[in-house]
Amino acid sequence: MKHYSLIVAHDEKLGIGKNNKLPWQIKGDLKHFRDLTSAFTKKEDSEKMNVVIMGRKTWESLPANYKPLPNRNNLVISRNSNYALPNNVMHSKSVEHALEVLKQVDYGDVFIIGGAVIYEIAIKLQIFDTLHVTEIEGEYNCDVFFPQYKNDFKLIDSSGTILEGDYRFSFKTYTRIRTQPCP
């Protein structure tokens, strides 16, 4: 069974981006993101690559030399069915459609990696129970924000504070607080 997660880095105001870019450059966070989303999942003694789902703007914000994100299956959500993508990148018209497509194929775990609209939709879907969050101390004057989540999720793991240059951050894992059974 696939595991479905969201992964995000946000500041104290839940800011996740500014001018379609990350407002911070934290090597430790980028490594954590890469390691978590590209870890192979063992299923029936074979290794399966994970899937990263992202919106069009997130795709466009990736540096050219990281498109597609290596060692992961990339799926880009765009309502434009003619949106040009490399042959090795999957396309979907919505989060819901992407999840239906992925049920029919043999991949590893599934990670939503942004942006704000995709996160908001994904959090509302009851299939996503795990949030991998890099909480960055401070405010970075972001213009894009992660939705409020702490009333619906509980902290299950934390790295404690990590220092890298001028940045103070921590890696945290949250799980959904269920008030009713999964659909």
C-alpha atoms as a PDB file:
ATOM      1  CA  MET A   1       0.000   0.000   0.000  1.00  0.00           C
ATOM      2  CA  LYS A   2       1.317   3.426  -0.955  1.00  0.00           C
ATOM      3  CA  HIS A   3       1.965   6.048   1.694  1.00  0.00           C
ATOM      4  CA  TYR A   4       0.715   9.556   0.883  1.00  0.00           C
ATOM      5  CA  SER A   5       2.461  12.592   2.418  1.00  0.00           C
ATOM      6  CA  LEU A   6       2.887  16.319   2.005  1.00  0.00           C
ATOM      7  CA  ILE A   7       6.318  17.891   2.381  1.00  0.00           C
ATOM      8  CA  VAL A   8       6.824  21.617   2.918  1.00  0.00           C
ATOM      9  CA  ALA A   9       9.166  24.219   4.388  1.00  0.00           C
ATOM     10  CA  HIS A  10       7.500  27.256   5.921  1.00  0.00           C
ATOM     11  CA  ASP A  11       8.365  30.241   8.076  1.00  0.00           C
ATOM     12  CA  GLU A  12       6.628  31.274  11.303  1.00  0.00           C
ATOM     13  CA  LYS A  13       3.757  32.871   9.330  1.00  0.00           C
ATOM     14  CA  LEU A  14       3.346  29.717   7.175  1.00  0.00           C
ATOM     15  CA  GLY A  15       5.061  31.495   4.266  1.00  0.00           C
ATOM     16  CA  ILE A  16       6.391  29.110   1.623  1.00  0.00           C
ATOM     17  CA  GLY A  17       7.496  31.325  -1.247  1.00  0.00           C
ATOM     18  CA  LYS A  18       8.086  34.770  -2.632  1.00  0.00           C
ATOM     19  CA  ASN A  19       8.017  35.722  -6.319  1.00  0.00           C
ATOM     20  CA  ASN A  20       7.724  32.002  -7.220  1.00  0.00           C
ATOM     21  CA  LYS A  21      10.979  31.167  -5.412  1.00  0.00           C
ATOM     22  CA  LEU A  22      12.041  29.858  -2.033  1.00  0.00           C
ATOM     23  CA  PRO A  23      12.899  32.855   0.162  1.00  0.00           C
ATOM     24  CA  TRP A  24      15.714  30.918   1.850  1.00  0.00           C
ATOM     25  CA  GLN A  25      18.612  28.744   0.745  1.00  0.00           C
ATOM     26  CA  ILE A  26      19.035  26.043   3.373  1.00  0.00           C
ATOM     27  CA  LYS A  27      21.210  23.171   2.153  1.00  0.00           C
ATOM     28  CA  GLY A  28      20.121  20.973   5.072  1.00  0.00           C
ATOM     29  CA  ASP A  29      16.465  21.398   4.120  1.00  0.00           C
ATOM     30  CA  LEU A  30      17.125  20.645   0.447  1.00  0.00           C
ATOM     31  CA  LYS A  31      19.046  17.491   1.429  1.00  0.00           C
ATOM     32  CA  HIS A  32      16.249  16.423   3.792  1.00  0.00           C
ATOM     33  CA  PHE A  33      13.696  16.975   0.999  1.00  0.00           C
ATOM     34  CA  ARG A  34      15.781  15.004  -1.509  1.00  0.00           C
ATOM     35  CA  ASP A  35      16.479  12.148   0.898  1.00  0.00           C
ATOM     36  CA  LEU A  36      12.867  11.809   2.011  1.00  0.00           C
ATOM     37  CA  THR A  37      11.227  12.041  -1.403  1.00  0.00           C
ATOM     38  CA  SER A  38      13.744   9.888  -3.284  1.00  0.00           C
ATOM     39  CA  ALA A  39      14.121   7.060  -0.749  1.00  0.00           C
ATOM     40  CA  PHE A  40      13.202   3.778  -2.364  1.00  0.00           C
ATOM     41  CA  THR A  41      10.257   1.850  -1.007  1.00  0.00           C
ATOM     42  CA  LYS A  42      10.680  -1.917  -0.697  1.00  0.00           C
ATOM     43  CA  LYS A  43       7.682  -3.786  -2.045  1.00  0.00           C
ATOM     44  CA  GLU A  44       7.756  -7.474  -2.876  1.00  0.00           C
ATOM     45  CA  ASP A  45      11.569  -7.437  -2.966  1.00  0.00           C
ATOM     46  CA  SER A  46      11.738  -4.844  -5.728  1.00  0.00           C
ATOM     47  CA  GLU A  47      12.571  -1.177  -5.462  1.00  0.00           C
ATOM     48  CA  LYS A  48      10.016   1.358  -6.582  1.00  0.00           C
ATOM     49  CA  MET A  49      10.688   5.038  -7.167  1.00  0.00           C
ATOM     50  CA  ASN A  50       8.508   7.489  -5.305  1.00  0.00           C
ATOM     51  CA  VAL A  51       6.265  10.055  -6.981  1.00  0.00           C
ATOM     52  CA  VAL A  52       6.412  13.802  -6.388  1.00  0.00           C
ATOM     53  CA  ILE A  53       3.265  15.701  -7.319  1.00  0.00           C
ATOM     54  CA  MET A  54       3.546  19.418  -7.927  1.00  0.00           C
ATOM     55  CA  GLY A  55       1.605  22.225  -9.504  1.00  0.00           C
ATOM     56  CA  ARG A  56       2.681  23.972 -12.680  1.00  0.00           C
ATOM     57  CA  LYS A  57       4.136  26.988 -10.850  1.00  0.00           C
ATOM     58  CA  THR A  58       6.235  24.754  -8.596  1.00  0.00           C
ATOM     59  CA  TRP A  59       7.479  22.894 -11.691  1.00  0.00           C
ATOM     60  CA  GLU A  60       8.368  26.191 -13.356  1.00  0.00           C
ATOM     61  CA  SER A  61      10.225  27.369 -10.235  1.00  0.00           C
ATOM     62  CA  LEU A  62      12.620  24.397 -10.309  1.00  0.00           C
ATOM     63  CA  PRO A  63      16.095  25.156 -11.650  1.00  0.00           C
ATOM     64  CA  ALA A  64      16.498  23.793 -15.193  1.00  0.00           C
ATOM     65  CA  ASN A  65      19.248  21.370 -14.137  1.00  0.00           C
ATOM     66  CA  TYR A  66      16.821  19.753 -11.622  1.00  0.00           C
ATOM     67  CA  LYS A  67      13.948  19.172 -14.054  1.00  0.00           C
ATOM     68  CA  PRO A  68      12.663  16.586 -13.613  1.00  0.00           C
ATOM     69  CA  LEU A  69      13.661  15.961  -9.999  1.00  0.00           C
ATOM     70  CA  PRO A  70      16.068  13.006 -10.249  1.00  0.00           C
ATOM     71  CA  ASN A  71      15.393   9.561  -8.761  1.00  0.00           C
ATOM     72  CA  ARG A  72      11.669  10.308  -8.491  1.00  0.00           C
ATOM     73  CA  ASN A  73       8.707  10.061 -10.796  1.00  0.00           C
ATOM     74  CA  ASN A  74       7.521  13.627 -11.420  1.00  0.00           C
ATOM     75  CA  LEU A  75       3.848  14.468 -11.942  1.00  0.00           C
ATOM     76  CA  VAL A  76       2.797  18.033 -12.759  1.00  0.00           C
ATOM     77  CA  ILE A  77      -0.743  19.276 -12.274  1.00  0.00           C
ATOM     78  CA  SER A  78      -2.032  21.766 -14.815  1.00  0.00           C
ATOM     79  CA  ARG A  79      -5.557  22.355 -16.049  1.00  0.00           C
ATOM     80  CA  ASN A  80      -4.009  23.013 -19.481  1.00  0.00           C
ATOM     81  CA  SER A  81      -4.019  19.608 -21.177  1.00  0.00           C
ATOM     82  CA  ASN A  82      -1.546  20.962 -23.771  1.00  0.00           C
ATOM     83  CA  TYR A  83       0.995  22.110 -21.189  1.00  0.00           C
ATOM     84  CA  ALA A  84       4.401  21.075 -22.554  1.00  0.00           C
ATOM     85  CA  LEU A  85       6.348  18.660 -20.330  1.00  0.00           C
ATOM     86  CA  PRO A  86       9.258  16.327 -21.015  1.00  0.00           C
ATOM     87  CA  ASN A  87       8.249  12.798 -22.022  1.00  0.00           C
ATOM     88  CA  ASN A  88       9.423  11.380 -18.697  1.00  0.00           C
ATOM     89  CA  VAL A  89       7.136  13.676 -16.661  1.00  0.00           C
ATOM     90  CA  MET A  90       3.511  12.729 -16.016  1.00  0.00           C
ATOM     91  CA  HIS A  91       0.685  15.263 -16.372  1.00  0.00           C
ATOM     92  CA  SER A  92      -2.633  15.446 -14.577  1.00  0.00           C
ATOM     93  CA  LYS A  93      -5.473  17.955 -14.559  1.00  0.00           C
ATOM     94  CA  SER A  94      -6.114  17.815 -10.775  1.00  0.00           C
ATOM     95  CA  VAL A  95      -4.921  16.301  -7.506  1.00  0.00           C
ATOM     96  CA  GLU A  96      -7.892  13.948  -7.492  1.00  0.00           C
ATOM     97  CA  HIS A  97      -7.176  12.826 -11.063  1.00  0.00           C
ATOM     98  CA  ALA A  98      -3.491  12.297 -10.227  1.00  0.00           C
ATOM     99  CA  LEU A  99      -4.389  10.034  -7.308  1.00  0.00           C
ATOM    100  CA  GLU A 100      -6.712   7.971  -9.504  1.00  0.00           C
ATOM    101  CA  VAL A 101      -3.976   7.576 -12.134  1.00  0.00           C
ATOM    102  CA  LEU A 102      -1.405   6.562  -9.508  1.00  0.00           C
ATOM    103  CA  LYS A 103      -3.706   3.877  -8.080  1.00  0.00           C
ATOM    104  CA  GLN A 104      -3.411   2.073 -11.404  1.00  0.00           C
ATOM    105  CA  VAL A 105       0.394   2.030 -11.586  1.00  0.00           C
ATOM    106  CA  ASP A 106       3.215   0.551  -9.559  1.00  0.00           C
ATOM    107  CA  TYR A 107       5.161   3.335  -7.828  1.00  0.00           C
ATOM    108  CA  GLY A 108       6.536   3.863  -4.355  1.00  0.00           C
ATOM    109  CA  ASP A 109       5.270   6.492  -1.938  1.00  0.00           C
ATOM    110  CA  VAL A 110       3.541   9.679  -3.062  1.00  0.00           C
ATOM    111  CA  PHE A 111       4.588  13.174  -1.951  1.00  0.00           C
ATOM    112  CA  ILE A 112       2.778  16.447  -2.624  1.00  0.00           C
ATOM    113  CA  ILE A 113       5.525  19.085  -2.884  1.00  0.00           C
ATOM    114  CA  GLY A 114       3.564  22.265  -3.675  1.00  0.00           C
ATOM    115  CA  GLY A 115       2.443  24.874  -4.356  1.00  0.00           C
ATOM    116  CA  ALA A 116      -0.083  26.571  -2.131  1.00  0.00           C
ATOM    117  CA  VAL A 117      -3.234  25.652  -4.081  1.00  0.00           C
ATOM    118  CA  ILE A 118      -2.134  22.037  -4.469  1.00  0.00           C
ATOM    119  CA  TYR A 119      -1.338  21.850  -0.737  1.00  0.00           C
ATOM    120  CA  GLU A 120      -4.738  23.267   0.171  1.00  0.00           C
ATOM    121  CA  ILE A 121      -6.579  20.725  -1.974  1.00  0.00           C
ATOM    122  CA  ALA A 122      -4.395  17.854  -0.760  1.00  0.00           C
ATOM    123  CA  ILE A 123      -4.921  18.654   2.925  1.00  0.00           C
ATOM    124  CA  LYS A 124      -8.685  18.533   2.400  1.00  0.00           C
ATOM    125  CA  LEU A 125      -8.378  15.046   0.904  1.00  0.00           C
ATOM    126  CA  GLN A 126      -8.550  12.467   3.653  1.00  0.00           C
ATOM    127  CA  ILE A 127      -5.926  10.244   1.988  1.00  0.00           C
ATOM    128  CA  PHE A 128      -3.046  12.522   3.102  1.00  0.00           C
ATOM    129  CA  ASP A 129      -2.302  11.810   6.754  1.00  0.00           C
ATOM    130  CA  THR A 130       1.368  12.749   7.091  1.00  0.00           C
ATOM    131  CA  LEU A 131       3.006  16.167   6.893  1.00  0.00           C
ATOM    132  CA  HIS A 132       6.792  16.467   6.727  1.00  0.00           C
ATOM    133  CA  VAL A 133       7.484  20.058   7.701  1.00  0.00           C
ATOM    134  CA  THR A 134      10.642  22.125   7.898  1.00  0.00           C
ATOM    135  CA  GLU A 135       9.697  24.902  10.307  1.00  0.00           C
ATOM    136  CA  ILE A 136      11.978  27.873   9.738  1.00  0.00           C
ATOM    137  CA  GLU A 137      12.299  30.465  12.469  1.00  0.00           C
ATOM    138  CA  GLY A 138      11.541  34.030  11.446  1.00  0.00           C
ATOM    139  CA  GLU A 139       9.374  35.697   8.851  1.00  0.00           C
ATOM    140  CA  TYR A 140      10.479  36.038   5.228  1.00  0.00           C
ATOM    141  CA  ASN A 141       7.859  38.404   3.727  1.00  0.00           C
ATOM    142  CA  CYS A 142       6.366  35.608   1.652  1.00  0.00           C
ATOM    143  CA  ASP A 143       3.555  36.115  -0.827  1.00  0.00           C
ATOM    144  CA  VAL A 144       2.432  32.452  -0.851  1.00  0.00           C
ATOM    145  CA  PHE A 145       1.358  30.519   2.240  1.00  0.00           C
ATOM    146  CA  PHE A 146       0.759  26.980   3.452  1.00  0.00           C
ATOM    147  CA  PRO A 147      -2.757  26.463   4.836  1.00  0.00           C
ATOM    148  CA  GLN A 148      -3.377  26.363   8.593  1.00  0.00           C
ATOM    149  CA  TYR A 149      -2.950  22.772   9.734  1.00  0.00           C
ATOM    150  CA  LYS A 150      -1.992  22.499  13.395  1.00  0.00           C
ATOM    151  CA  ASN A 151      -5.588  22.089  14.638  1.00  0.00           C
ATOM    152  CA  ASP A 152      -6.031  19.044  12.389  1.00  0.00           C
ATOM    153  CA  PHE A 153      -2.612  17.421  12.812  1.00  0.00           C
ATOM    154  CA  LYS A 154      -0.534  16.403  15.808  1.00  0.00           C
ATOM    155  CA  LEU A 155       3.243  16.438  16.125  1.00  0.00           C
ATOM    156  CA  ILE A 156       4.739  12.941  16.226  1.00  0.00           C
ATOM    157  CA  ASP A 157       8.456  13.646  15.643  1.00  0.00           C
ATOM    158  CA  SER A 158      10.847  16.596  15.806  1.00  0.00           C
ATOM    159  CA  SER A 159      14.544  16.999  15.128  1.00  0.00           C
ATOM    160  CA  GLY A 160      15.018  19.862  17.551  1.00  0.00           C
ATOM    161  CA  THR A 161      16.539  23.144  16.385  1.00  0.00           C
ATOM    162  CA  ILE A 162      19.208  22.979  13.679  1.00  0.00           C
ATOM    163  CA  LEU A 163      21.526  25.885  12.871  1.00  0.00           C
ATOM    164  CA  GLU A 164      22.846  26.537   9.366  1.00  0.00           C
ATOM    165  CA  GLY A 165      24.399  29.943   8.801  1.00  0.00           C
ATOM    166  CA  ASP A 166      21.817  32.532   9.820  1.00  0.00           C
ATOM    167  CA  TYR A 167      18.958  30.003   9.645  1.00  0.00           C
ATOM    168  CA  ARG A 168      17.359  28.210  12.598  1.00  0.00           C
ATOM    169  CA  PHE A 169      14.950  25.428  11.638  1.00  0.00           C
ATOM    170  CA  SER A 170      13.636  22.024  12.623  1.00  0.00           C
ATOM    171  CA  PHE A 171      12.280  18.989  10.813  1.00  0.00           C
ATOM    172  CA  LYS A 172       8.903  17.912  12.129  1.00  0.00           C
ATOM    173  CA  THR A 173       6.467  15.169  11.246  1.00  0.00           C
ATOM    174  CA  TYR A 174       2.757  15.548  11.871  1.00  0.00           C
ATOM    175  CA  THR A 175      -0.080  13.073  11.513  1.00  0.00           C
ATOM    176  CA  ARG A 176      -3.748  13.838  10.927  1.00  0.00           C
ATOM    177  CA  ILE A 177      -6.054  13.819  13.939  1.00  0.00           C
ATOM    178  CA  ARG A 178      -8.934  11.619  12.824  1.00  0.00           C
ATOM    179  CA  THR A 179     -12.427  12.525  13.960  1.00  0.00           C
ATOM    180  CA  GLN A 180     -14.009   9.994  11.619  1.00  0.00           C
ATOM    181  CA  PRO A 181     -12.805   6.874   9.803  1.00  0.00           C
ATOM    182  CA  CYS A 182     -11.014   7.103   6.446  1.00  0.00           C
ATOM    183  CA  PRO A 183     -13.369   7.164   3.442  1.00  0.00           C
END
